[in-house]
Amino acid sequence: MLITIASFDHPLEANLAKTRLEAEGIECVLTNEHIAGMNWVWAPTIGGVGLQVLEADARRAMEILEGEPDDEERADEH
């Protein structure tokens, strides 16, 4: 099941986050991207551009977006 882990006012910001997650091997999709792109004024009204990932990947995806290393990287540091 897909869950929304973040929302963005601009499609560009959402695509940057999506690319960052995909580079880490996390599959994700954007919602409302085209609506917000056609008329950016509507973005807040529709809840912004949503970034969705599989529920199983949500924790790791949020850590990546927040810039926190995952458990494997922490183990490698010690």
C-alpha atoms as a PDB file:
ATOM      1  CA  MET A   1       0.000   0.000   0.000  1.00  0.00           C
ATOM      2  CA  LEU A   2       1.248   3.487  -0.856  1.00  0.00           C
ATOM      3  CA  ILE A   3       1.299   6.218   1.777  1.00  0.00           C
ATOM      4  CA  THR A   4       2.053   9.920   1.471  1.00  0.00           C
ATOM      5  CA  ILE A   5       5.193  10.832   3.391  1.00  0.00           C
ATOM      6  CA  ALA A   6       5.546  14.455   2.267  1.00  0.00           C
ATOM      7  CA  SER A   7       3.823  17.179   0.302  1.00  0.00           C
ATOM      8  CA  PHE A   8       5.315  20.090  -1.602  1.00  0.00           C
ATOM      9  CA  ASP A   9       3.978  23.394  -2.905  1.00  0.00           C
ATOM     10  CA  HIS A  10       5.918  23.123  -6.167  1.00  0.00           C
ATOM     11  CA  PRO A  11       6.344  20.148  -8.514  1.00  0.00           C
ATOM     12  CA  LEU A  12      10.078  20.872  -8.837  1.00  0.00           C
ATOM     13  CA  GLU A  13      10.639  20.355  -5.101  1.00  0.00           C
ATOM     14  CA  ALA A  14       8.620  17.146  -5.222  1.00  0.00           C
ATOM     15  CA  ASN A  15      10.625  15.827  -8.172  1.00  0.00           C
ATOM     16  CA  LEU A  16      13.915  16.562  -6.409  1.00  0.00           C
ATOM     17  CA  ALA A  17      12.772  14.547  -3.386  1.00  0.00           C
ATOM     18  CA  LYS A  18      11.516  11.752  -5.655  1.00  0.00           C
ATOM     19  CA  THR A  19      14.852  11.603  -7.466  1.00  0.00           C
ATOM     20  CA  ARG A  20      16.714  11.457  -4.149  1.00  0.00           C
ATOM     21  CA  LEU A  21      14.641   8.491  -2.992  1.00  0.00           C
ATOM     22  CA  GLU A  22      14.924   6.681  -6.323  1.00  0.00           C
ATOM     23  CA  ALA A  23      18.711   7.081  -6.170  1.00  0.00           C
ATOM     24  CA  GLU A  24      18.543   5.173  -2.861  1.00  0.00           C
ATOM     25  CA  GLY A  25      16.465   2.406  -4.437  1.00  0.00           C
ATOM     26  CA  ILE A  26      13.075   3.462  -3.079  1.00  0.00           C
ATOM     27  CA  GLU A  27      10.231   3.399  -5.573  1.00  0.00           C
ATOM     28  CA  CYS A  28       7.879   6.345  -5.274  1.00  0.00           C
ATOM     29  CA  VAL A  29       5.170   8.271  -7.095  1.00  0.00           C
ATOM     30  CA  LEU A  30       3.905  11.842  -7.093  1.00  0.00           C
ATOM     31  CA  THR A  31       0.267  12.821  -6.760  1.00  0.00           C
ATOM     32  CA  ASN A  32      -1.319  16.049  -8.063  1.00  0.00           C
ATOM     33  CA  GLU A  33       1.919  16.893  -9.863  1.00  0.00           C
ATOM     34  CA  HIS A  34       0.264  17.952 -13.097  1.00  0.00           C
ATOM     35  CA  ILE A  35      -2.555  19.914 -11.488  1.00  0.00           C
ATOM     36  CA  ALA A  36      -0.086  21.887  -9.384  1.00  0.00           C
ATOM     37  CA  GLY A  37       2.147  22.363 -12.431  1.00  0.00           C
ATOM     38  CA  MET A  38      -0.660  23.766 -14.573  1.00  0.00           C
ATOM     39  CA  ASN A  39      -1.811  26.232 -11.941  1.00  0.00           C
ATOM     40  CA  TRP A  40       0.545  26.607  -8.973  1.00  0.00           C
ATOM     41  CA  VAL A  41      -2.042  28.714  -7.129  1.00  0.00           C
ATOM     42  CA  TRP A  42      -4.129  25.563  -6.688  1.00  0.00           C
ATOM     43  CA  ALA A  43      -1.314  23.615  -5.008  1.00  0.00           C
ATOM     44  CA  PRO A  44      -2.229  24.575  -1.409  1.00  0.00           C
ATOM     45  CA  THR A  45      -5.908  23.973  -2.126  1.00  0.00           C
ATOM     46  CA  ILE A  46      -5.330  20.402  -3.301  1.00  0.00           C
ATOM     47  CA  GLY A  47      -2.852  19.613  -0.528  1.00  0.00           C
ATOM     48  CA  GLY A  48       0.258  20.165  -2.617  1.00  0.00           C
ATOM     49  CA  VAL A  49       2.166  17.601  -4.625  1.00  0.00           C
ATOM     50  CA  GLY A  50       2.205  14.389  -2.620  1.00  0.00           C
ATOM     51  CA  LEU A  51       5.185  12.042  -2.461  1.00  0.00           C
ATOM     52  CA  GLN A  52       4.110   8.446  -1.899  1.00  0.00           C
ATOM     53  CA  VAL A  53       6.133   5.329  -1.118  1.00  0.00           C
ATOM     54  CA  LEU A  54       5.326   1.784  -0.099  1.00  0.00           C
ATOM     55  CA  GLU A  55       4.389   1.592   3.557  1.00  0.00           C
ATOM     56  CA  ALA A  56       7.351  -0.726   4.192  1.00  0.00           C
ATOM     57  CA  ASP A  57       9.758   1.932   2.849  1.00  0.00           C
ATOM     58  CA  ALA A  58       8.206   4.922   4.619  1.00  0.00           C
ATOM     59  CA  ARG A  59      10.526   5.129   7.624  1.00  0.00           C
ATOM     60  CA  ARG A  60      13.697   4.839   5.567  1.00  0.00           C
ATOM     61  CA  ALA A  61      12.377   7.297   2.972  1.00  0.00           C
ATOM     62  CA  MET A  62      11.626   9.918   5.620  1.00  0.00           C
ATOM     63  CA  GLU A  63      15.085   9.450   7.131  1.00  0.00           C
ATOM     64  CA  ILE A  64      16.662   9.978   3.718  1.00  0.00           C
ATOM     65  CA  LEU A  65      14.669  13.136   3.120  1.00  0.00           C
ATOM     66  CA  GLU A  66      15.562  14.407   6.585  1.00  0.00           C
ATOM     67  CA  GLY A  67      19.219  13.639   5.926  1.00  0.00           C
ATOM     68  CA  GLU A  68      19.583  11.009   8.647  1.00  0.00           C
ATOM     69  CA  PRO A  69      21.635   7.894   7.869  1.00  0.00           C
ATOM     70  CA  ASP A  70      19.852   4.574   8.053  1.00  0.00           C
ATOM     71  CA  ASP A  71      20.849   1.816  10.483  1.00  0.00           C
ATOM     72  CA  GLU A  72      23.342   0.195   8.080  1.00  0.00           C
ATOM     73  CA  GLU A  73      25.246   3.454   7.614  1.00  0.00           C
ATOM     74  CA  ARG A  74      25.330   3.972  11.380  1.00  0.00           C
ATOM     75  CA  ALA A  75      26.768   0.474  11.842  1.00  0.00           C
ATOM     76  CA  ASP A  76      29.462   1.175   9.227  1.00  0.00           C
ATOM     77  CA  GLU A  77      30.559   4.293  11.121  1.00  0.00           C
ATOM     78  CA  HIS A  78      31.443   2.311  14.271  1.00  0.00           C
END
